[in-house]
N, C-alpha and C. Protein backbone atom coordinates (compact mmCIF):
# COMPACT_ATOMS: atom_id res chain seq x y z
N MET A 1 188.26 -12.06 -153.60
CA MET A 1 187.87 -10.85 -153.79
C MET A 1 188.83 -9.83 -153.98
N GLN A 2 188.63 -8.74 -154.77
CA GLN A 2 189.57 -7.58 -155.00
C GLN A 2 189.52 -6.73 -154.04
N VAL A 3 190.90 -6.25 -153.64
CA VAL A 3 190.96 -5.27 -152.74
C VAL A 3 191.46 -3.93 -153.29
N LEU A 4 190.59 -2.87 -152.96
CA LEU A 4 190.94 -1.62 -153.32
C LEU A 4 191.93 -0.99 -152.41
N GLN A 5 193.07 -0.32 -152.81
CA GLN A 5 194.00 0.42 -151.92
C GLN A 5 194.12 1.67 -152.49
N HIS A 6 193.92 2.77 -151.82
CA HIS A 6 194.03 4.13 -152.41
C HIS A 6 195.35 4.85 -151.75
N SER A 7 196.05 5.63 -152.42
CA SER A 7 197.06 6.26 -151.94
C SER A 7 196.78 7.02 -150.62
N TYR A 8 195.46 7.66 -150.35
CA TYR A 8 195.19 8.27 -149.06
C TYR A 8 194.79 7.17 -147.97
N CYS A 9 194.58 6.00 -148.19
CA CYS A 9 194.16 5.01 -147.31
C CYS A 9 195.28 4.17 -146.70
N PRO A 10 195.61 4.31 -145.39
CA PRO A 10 196.72 3.48 -144.48
C PRO A 10 196.54 1.99 -145.03
N PRO A 11 197.70 1.14 -145.18
CA PRO A 11 197.78 -0.06 -145.36
C PRO A 11 196.67 -0.96 -144.72
N GLY A 12 196.53 -0.73 -143.36
CA GLY A 12 195.59 -1.63 -142.81
C GLY A 12 194.05 -1.43 -143.17
N ASN A 13 193.77 0.02 -143.45
CA ASN A 13 192.40 0.32 -143.94
C ASN A 13 192.10 -0.11 -145.34
N GLN A 14 191.38 -1.04 -145.55
CA GLN A 14 191.04 -1.51 -146.99
C GLN A 14 189.64 -1.70 -147.12
N VAL A 15 188.98 -1.50 -148.30
CA VAL A 15 187.63 -1.78 -148.67
C VAL A 15 187.57 -2.71 -149.72
N LYS A 16 186.88 -3.74 -149.63
CA LYS A 16 186.74 -4.81 -150.52
C LYS A 16 185.49 -4.58 -151.47
N PHE A 17 185.68 -5.01 -152.68
CA PHE A 17 184.32 -5.20 -153.43
C PHE A 17 183.26 -6.04 -152.87
N GLY A 18 182.05 -5.30 -152.86
CA GLY A 18 181.02 -6.20 -152.09
C GLY A 18 180.92 -6.07 -150.66
N GLU A 19 182.00 -5.36 -149.90
CA GLU A 19 181.85 -5.31 -148.45
C GLU A 19 181.63 -3.67 -148.34
N VAL A 20 180.94 -3.35 -147.53
CA VAL A 20 180.75 -1.93 -146.97
C VAL A 20 181.53 -1.65 -145.75
N ASN A 21 181.91 -2.54 -144.84
CA ASN A 21 182.55 -2.33 -143.63
C ASN A 21 183.98 -2.08 -143.83
N GLN A 22 184.62 -1.03 -143.17
CA GLN A 22 185.82 -0.70 -143.22
C GLN A 22 186.70 -1.51 -142.18
N VAL A 23 187.93 -1.98 -142.49
CA VAL A 23 188.63 -3.09 -141.68
C VAL A 23 189.87 -2.25 -141.09
N SER A 24 189.95 -2.29 -139.96
CA SER A 24 191.10 -1.53 -139.12
C SER A 24 192.44 -2.43 -139.28
N LYS A 25 193.51 -1.92 -138.67
CA LYS A 25 194.85 -2.70 -138.77
C LYS A 25 194.72 -4.10 -138.38
N ASN A 26 194.09 -4.26 -137.24
CA ASN A 26 194.03 -5.78 -136.58
C ASN A 26 192.84 -6.51 -137.12
N ASN A 27 192.29 -6.11 -138.28
CA ASN A 27 191.18 -6.93 -138.86
C ASN A 27 189.94 -6.92 -138.23
N THR A 28 189.71 -6.00 -137.24
CA THR A 28 188.38 -5.86 -136.39
C THR A 28 187.64 -4.77 -137.18
N PRO A 29 186.39 -4.77 -137.18
CA PRO A 29 185.51 -3.82 -137.75
C PRO A 29 186.02 -2.32 -137.03
N ALA A 30 186.21 -1.24 -137.88
CA ALA A 30 186.57 -0.08 -137.31
C ALA A 30 185.38 0.68 -136.47
N LYS A 31 185.73 1.25 -135.53
CA LYS A 31 184.70 1.96 -134.66
C LYS A 31 184.09 3.13 -135.21
N LYS A 32 182.55 3.51 -135.05
CA LYS A 32 182.19 4.59 -135.51
C LYS A 32 182.76 5.68 -135.00
N GLU A 33 182.80 6.89 -135.78
CA GLU A 33 183.30 8.02 -135.16
C GLU A 33 182.32 8.77 -134.56
N GLY A 34 182.82 9.84 -133.60
CA GLY A 34 181.75 10.56 -132.86
C GLY A 34 182.07 10.56 -131.41
N PRO A 35 181.84 11.34 -130.59
CA PRO A 35 182.19 11.19 -129.25
C PRO A 35 180.97 10.57 -128.63
N ALA A 36 181.30 10.15 -127.56
CA ALA A 36 180.26 9.03 -126.67
C ALA A 36 179.37 10.27 -126.16
N LEU A 37 178.36 9.66 -125.47
CA LEU A 37 177.24 10.66 -124.83
C LEU A 37 177.89 11.48 -123.77
N LYS A 38 178.67 10.83 -122.93
CA LYS A 38 179.16 11.35 -121.69
C LYS A 38 180.10 12.48 -122.24
N GLU A 39 180.99 12.28 -123.21
CA GLU A 39 181.94 13.26 -123.87
C GLU A 39 181.15 14.59 -124.42
N ARG A 40 179.97 14.27 -125.09
CA ARG A 40 179.22 15.29 -125.52
C ARG A 40 178.46 15.98 -124.41
N TRP A 41 178.19 15.41 -123.54
CA TRP A 41 177.55 16.06 -122.24
C TRP A 41 178.46 17.06 -121.62
N ASP A 42 179.87 16.42 -121.54
CA ASP A 42 180.80 17.25 -120.81
C ASP A 42 180.96 18.49 -121.61
N LYS A 43 181.15 18.43 -122.86
CA LYS A 43 181.37 19.55 -123.94
C LYS A 43 180.33 20.57 -123.77
N ILE A 44 179.01 20.19 -123.73
CA ILE A 44 178.00 21.03 -123.55
C ILE A 44 178.09 21.80 -122.15
N LYS A 45 178.36 20.90 -121.31
CA LYS A 45 178.44 21.59 -119.91
C LYS A 45 179.54 22.75 -119.79
N GLU A 46 180.54 22.41 -120.37
CA GLU A 46 181.75 23.07 -120.52
C GLU A 46 181.38 24.67 -121.13
N TYR A 47 180.68 24.56 -122.22
CA TYR A 47 180.28 25.58 -123.13
C TYR A 47 179.45 26.57 -122.16
N PHE A 48 178.46 25.93 -121.71
CA PHE A 48 177.59 26.74 -120.91
C PHE A 48 178.24 27.52 -119.46
N ILE A 49 179.35 26.73 -118.98
CA ILE A 49 180.03 27.37 -117.98
C ILE A 49 180.81 28.66 -118.50
N GLY A 50 181.27 28.45 -119.76
CA GLY A 50 182.02 29.51 -120.36
C GLY A 50 181.34 30.77 -120.62
N VAL A 51 179.98 30.33 -121.21
CA VAL A 51 179.10 31.61 -121.38
C VAL A 51 178.51 32.20 -120.11
N TYR A 52 178.48 31.66 -119.00
CA TYR A 52 178.11 32.07 -117.80
C TYR A 52 179.34 33.12 -117.20
N SER A 53 180.42 32.49 -117.46
CA SER A 53 181.74 33.29 -117.18
C SER A 53 181.69 34.57 -117.92
N GLU A 54 181.41 34.49 -119.21
CA GLU A 54 181.40 35.92 -120.08
C GLU A 54 180.38 36.54 -119.73
N LEU A 55 179.21 36.15 -119.40
CA LEU A 55 178.10 37.06 -118.92
C LEU A 55 178.35 37.73 -117.67
N LYS A 56 179.21 37.31 -116.70
CA LYS A 56 179.70 37.87 -115.59
C LYS A 56 180.54 39.26 -115.84
N LYS A 57 181.23 39.07 -117.02
CA LYS A 57 182.03 40.10 -117.29
C LYS A 57 181.27 41.30 -117.97
N VAL A 58 180.32 41.04 -118.50
CA VAL A 58 179.35 42.20 -119.32
C VAL A 58 179.11 43.39 -118.45
N HIS A 59 179.32 44.69 -118.87
CA HIS A 59 178.93 45.86 -118.14
C HIS A 59 177.27 45.93 -118.39
N TRP A 60 176.52 45.91 -117.32
CA TRP A 60 175.05 46.03 -117.80
C TRP A 60 174.62 47.43 -117.39
N PRO A 61 173.92 48.01 -118.29
CA PRO A 61 173.46 49.41 -118.03
C PRO A 61 172.51 49.42 -116.78
N SER A 62 172.66 50.59 -116.29
CA SER A 62 171.46 50.86 -115.03
C SER A 62 170.09 51.22 -115.68
N ARG A 63 169.11 51.40 -114.91
CA ARG A 63 167.79 51.32 -115.40
C ARG A 63 167.67 52.85 -116.07
N GLN A 64 168.16 53.83 -115.55
CA GLN A 64 168.22 55.20 -116.24
C GLN A 64 168.92 55.11 -117.48
N GLN A 65 170.10 54.43 -117.67
CA GLN A 65 170.84 54.44 -118.99
C GLN A 65 169.95 53.72 -120.14
N LEU A 66 169.31 52.60 -119.58
CA LEU A 66 168.56 51.89 -120.48
C LEU A 66 167.30 52.49 -120.83
N MET A 67 166.69 53.47 -120.01
CA MET A 67 165.60 54.15 -120.51
C MET A 67 165.99 55.27 -121.63
N VAL A 68 167.25 55.80 -121.35
CA VAL A 68 167.83 56.75 -122.31
C VAL A 68 168.28 56.25 -123.72
N TYR A 69 168.64 54.96 -123.53
CA TYR A 69 169.10 54.28 -124.86
C TYR A 69 167.83 53.77 -125.47
N THR A 70 166.85 53.36 -124.83
CA THR A 70 165.62 53.12 -125.49
C THR A 70 165.01 54.24 -126.42
N GLY A 71 165.00 55.23 -125.74
CA GLY A 71 164.58 56.62 -126.37
C GLY A 71 165.22 57.00 -127.42
N VAL A 72 166.59 56.91 -127.38
CA VAL A 72 167.41 57.26 -128.45
C VAL A 72 167.00 56.28 -129.79
N VAL A 73 166.89 54.78 -129.30
CA VAL A 73 166.61 54.12 -130.53
C VAL A 73 165.19 54.35 -131.25
N LEU A 74 164.12 54.64 -130.23
CA LEU A 74 162.80 55.02 -130.59
C LEU A 74 162.62 56.18 -131.52
N LEU A 75 163.51 57.22 -131.01
CA LEU A 75 163.69 58.57 -131.79
C LEU A 75 164.42 58.35 -133.22
N ALA A 76 165.45 57.41 -133.24
CA ALA A 76 166.01 56.93 -134.62
C ALA A 76 165.08 56.32 -135.42
N VAL A 77 164.26 55.52 -134.95
CA VAL A 77 163.26 54.80 -135.96
C VAL A 77 162.37 55.77 -136.43
N VAL A 78 161.72 56.62 -135.57
CA VAL A 78 161.01 57.73 -136.06
C VAL A 78 161.56 58.59 -137.15
N ILE A 79 162.65 59.02 -136.89
CA ILE A 79 163.41 59.85 -137.97
C ILE A 79 163.53 59.09 -139.28
N VAL A 80 164.24 57.80 -139.15
CA VAL A 80 164.22 56.87 -140.43
C VAL A 80 162.89 56.82 -141.06
N GLY A 81 161.86 56.51 -140.29
CA GLY A 81 160.65 55.99 -140.97
C GLY A 81 160.20 57.33 -141.65
N SER A 82 160.40 58.48 -141.07
CA SER A 82 159.76 59.69 -141.75
C SER A 82 160.50 60.05 -142.97
N VAL A 83 161.71 59.69 -142.99
CA VAL A 83 162.56 60.04 -144.22
C VAL A 83 162.20 58.94 -145.39
N ILE A 84 162.10 57.93 -144.99
CA ILE A 84 161.31 57.14 -146.17
C ILE A 84 160.20 57.39 -146.53
N TRP A 85 159.31 57.72 -145.67
CA TRP A 85 157.93 57.95 -145.91
C TRP A 85 157.93 59.28 -146.95
N LEU A 86 158.79 60.29 -146.48
CA LEU A 86 158.76 61.34 -147.30
C LEU A 86 159.19 61.12 -148.79
N PHE A 87 160.40 60.26 -148.77
CA PHE A 87 160.94 59.94 -150.28
C PHE A 87 159.76 59.26 -150.88
N ASP A 88 159.13 58.19 -150.28
CA ASP A 88 158.00 57.48 -150.98
C ASP A 88 156.90 58.56 -151.37
N MET A 89 156.48 59.37 -150.45
CA MET A 89 155.45 60.29 -151.10
C MET A 89 155.78 61.29 -152.23
N GLY A 90 157.00 61.53 -152.15
CA GLY A 90 157.59 62.41 -153.30
C GLY A 90 157.81 61.67 -154.59
N LEU A 91 158.31 60.48 -154.46
CA LEU A 91 158.29 59.74 -155.66
C LEU A 91 156.91 59.34 -156.47
N SER A 92 155.92 59.14 -155.37
CA SER A 92 154.52 58.85 -156.01
C SER A 92 153.78 59.90 -156.50
N PHE A 93 154.36 61.33 -155.82
CA PHE A 93 153.68 62.45 -156.59
C PHE A 93 154.30 62.55 -158.00
N LEU A 94 155.60 62.43 -158.01
CA LEU A 94 156.29 62.83 -159.33
C LEU A 94 155.83 61.64 -160.27
N LEU A 95 155.72 60.34 -159.91
CA LEU A 95 155.19 59.23 -160.83
C LEU A 95 153.75 59.56 -161.46
N ALA A 96 152.85 60.12 -160.44
CA ALA A 96 151.62 60.45 -160.78
C ALA A 96 151.44 61.53 -161.88
N LYS A 97 152.39 62.56 -161.86
CA LYS A 97 152.53 63.64 -162.72
C LYS A 97 152.96 63.22 -164.17
N LEU A 98 153.60 62.04 -164.18
CA LEU A 98 154.14 61.57 -165.60
C LEU A 98 152.95 60.92 -166.39
N PRO A 99 152.97 61.49 -167.75
CA PRO A 99 152.05 61.02 -168.69
C PRO A 99 152.19 59.56 -169.08
N PHE A 100 151.20 58.52 -168.76
CA PHE A 100 151.56 57.18 -169.26
C PHE A 100 150.24 57.03 -170.25
N LYS A 101 150.82 56.18 -171.32
CA LYS A 101 149.63 55.71 -172.14
C LYS A 101 149.09 54.26 -171.58
N SER A 102 147.88 54.14 -171.59
CA SER A 102 147.45 52.86 -171.06
C SER A 102 147.08 52.04 -172.39
N ALA A 103 147.38 50.91 -172.30
CA ALA A 103 147.35 49.85 -173.22
C ALA A 103 145.99 49.58 -173.96
C-alpha cells in the first residue's frame, strides 16, 4: 500500500490509500478529539460560577429608578414613533399630489 506523507503531517501520523483511520506514532489508532463528558461538565459548571460571580458585581437599580427609566424609554418610543408617523403622513400627502399617469 502506498503511504501519503504531507509536509504538515508528523512522521508517525500517516494515512494510507484505502484506509480512513489515522495511525499515531506507536501504530495504535489515534484517539478521537474532544473533551470527555466530565471535562465538559466541569467547564460548564465553571462558566456558570463565573456568570454568578459577575452578576453579584452588577449595580441593580432601585424600584423608583426602574420606574423612572421605564418612563423615559416609553416617552422616547412615543416621540420617535410620532416623528416617523409625521414623516410618513407628509410623504403620503406629497405623493398623492403628484400627477401619475395610469397605464
